[in-house]
Amino acid sequence: MMPSDFKPMVTIGAGAYEVRIHVEGEWRVIYVAKFADAVYVLHAFPKTTQKTSKADIDLAARRYKQIGG
């Protein structure tokens, strides 16, 4: 089952998604669930601008590579 407010994050890697959370401000969680053994949360952060920062994307991409994505 997919979240109701999400988008694929192809710049991070295949199977990576960003979930948008609208509680007490704006929050984002970038995760990957393509592996049989686990769902990996790559990064979670408050969203302060309309565009996701390069630093947030780069951090999630590095973590994606660390898990063998």
C-alpha atoms as a PDB file:
ATOM      1  CA  MET A   1       0.000   0.000   0.000  1.00  0.00           C
ATOM      2  CA  MET A   2       1.364   3.434  -0.956  1.00  0.00           C
ATOM      3  CA  PRO A   3       0.999   6.617   1.155  1.00  0.00           C
ATOM      4  CA  SER A   4      -1.661   9.097   0.044  1.00  0.00           C
ATOM      5  CA  ASP A   5       0.766  12.010  -0.494  1.00  0.00           C
ATOM      6  CA  PHE A   6       4.093  10.910  -1.960  1.00  0.00           C
ATOM      7  CA  LYS A   7       6.301  11.171  -5.027  1.00  0.00           C
ATOM      8  CA  PRO A   8       9.021   8.990  -6.525  1.00  0.00           C
ATOM      9  CA  MET A   9      12.562  10.280  -5.978  1.00  0.00           C
ATOM     10  CA  VAL A  10      14.298   8.931  -9.075  1.00  0.00           C
ATOM     11  CA  THR A  11      17.289  11.241  -8.514  1.00  0.00           C
ATOM     12  CA  ILE A  12      18.026   9.258  -5.330  1.00  0.00           C
ATOM     13  CA  GLY A  13      17.505   5.802  -6.801  1.00  0.00           C
ATOM     14  CA  ALA A  14      15.042   3.216  -8.033  1.00  0.00           C
ATOM     15  CA  GLY A  15      12.303   2.569  -5.496  1.00  0.00           C
ATOM     16  CA  ALA A  16      12.980   5.701  -3.406  1.00  0.00           C
ATOM     17  CA  TYR A  17       9.962   7.817  -2.441  1.00  0.00           C
ATOM     18  CA  GLU A  18       9.316  11.049  -0.582  1.00  0.00           C
ATOM     19  CA  VAL A  19       6.310  11.087   1.749  1.00  0.00           C
ATOM     20  CA  ARG A  20       4.808  14.492   2.475  1.00  0.00           C
ATOM     21  CA  ILE A  21       3.544  15.020   6.025  1.00  0.00           C
ATOM     22  CA  HIS A  22       1.414  18.062   6.851  1.00  0.00           C
ATOM     23  CA  VAL A  23       1.407  18.157  10.676  1.00  0.00           C
ATOM     24  CA  GLU A  24       2.690  21.110  12.696  1.00  0.00           C
ATOM     25  CA  GLY A  25       4.424  22.425   9.591  1.00  0.00           C
ATOM     26  CA  GLU A  26       5.695  20.554   6.584  1.00  0.00           C
ATOM     27  CA  TRP A  27       7.831  17.415   6.918  1.00  0.00           C
ATOM     28  CA  ARG A  28       9.349  14.987   4.452  1.00  0.00           C
ATOM     29  CA  VAL A  29      10.503  11.399   4.812  1.00  0.00           C
ATOM     30  CA  ILE A  30      12.528   9.768   2.052  1.00  0.00           C
ATOM     31  CA  TYR A  31      12.429   5.971   2.141  1.00  0.00           C
ATOM     32  CA  VAL A  32      13.000   2.887   0.041  1.00  0.00           C
ATOM     33  CA  ALA A  33      10.936  -0.298   0.368  1.00  0.00           C
ATOM     34  CA  LYS A  34      12.161  -2.406  -2.544  1.00  0.00           C
ATOM     35  CA  PHE A  35      14.169  -4.838  -0.408  1.00  0.00           C
ATOM     36  CA  ALA A  36      12.566  -7.989   1.001  1.00  0.00           C
ATOM     37  CA  ASP A  37      14.152  -7.654   4.449  1.00  0.00           C
ATOM     38  CA  ALA A  38      13.334  -4.054   5.437  1.00  0.00           C
ATOM     39  CA  VAL A  39      11.978  -0.606   4.727  1.00  0.00           C
ATOM     40  CA  TYR A  40      14.839   1.896   4.972  1.00  0.00           C
ATOM     41  CA  VAL A  41      14.241   5.501   6.002  1.00  0.00           C
ATOM     42  CA  LEU A  42      16.980   7.397   4.203  1.00  0.00           C
ATOM     43  CA  HIS A  43      16.230  10.862   5.577  1.00  0.00           C
ATOM     44  CA  ALA A  44      13.523  12.772   7.480  1.00  0.00           C
ATOM     45  CA  PHE A  45      13.487  16.556   7.736  1.00  0.00           C
ATOM     46  CA  PRO A  46      11.299  19.652   8.136  1.00  0.00           C
ATOM     47  CA  LYS A  47      10.476  21.296   4.844  1.00  0.00           C
ATOM     48  CA  THR A  48      11.189  25.027   4.970  1.00  0.00           C
ATOM     49  CA  THR A  49      11.214  25.900   1.253  1.00  0.00           C
ATOM     50  CA  GLN A  50       9.243  24.756  -1.762  1.00  0.00           C
ATOM     51  CA  LYS A  51      12.176  22.919  -3.322  1.00  0.00           C
ATOM     52  CA  THR A  52      13.975  20.049  -1.567  1.00  0.00           C
ATOM     53  CA  SER A  53      17.536  21.177  -0.919  1.00  0.00           C
ATOM     54  CA  LYS A  54      20.467  19.590  -2.726  1.00  0.00           C
ATOM     55  CA  ALA A  55      22.005  18.733   0.664  1.00  0.00           C
ATOM     56  CA  ASP A  56      18.897  16.723   1.659  1.00  0.00           C
ATOM     57  CA  ILE A  57      18.839  14.905  -1.691  1.00  0.00           C
ATOM     58  CA  ASP A  58      22.584  14.197  -1.571  1.00  0.00           C
ATOM     59  CA  LEU A  59      22.360  12.800   1.969  1.00  0.00           C
ATOM     60  CA  ALA A  60      19.503  10.463   1.023  1.00  0.00           C
ATOM     61  CA  ALA A  61      21.376   9.362  -2.126  1.00  0.00           C
ATOM     62  CA  ARG A  62      24.531   8.541  -0.123  1.00  0.00           C
ATOM     63  CA  ARG A  63      22.497   6.493   2.346  1.00  0.00           C
ATOM     64  CA  TYR A  64      20.738   4.733  -0.552  1.00  0.00           C
ATOM     65  CA  LYS A  65      24.126   3.662  -1.924  1.00  0.00           C
ATOM     66  CA  GLN A  66      25.218   2.442   1.534  1.00  0.00           C
ATOM     67  CA  ILE A  67      22.322  -0.027   1.678  1.00  0.00           C
ATOM     68  CA  GLY A  68      23.138  -1.377  -1.770  1.00  0.00           C
ATOM     69  CA  GLY A  69      20.544   0.474  -3.813  1.00  0.00           C
END
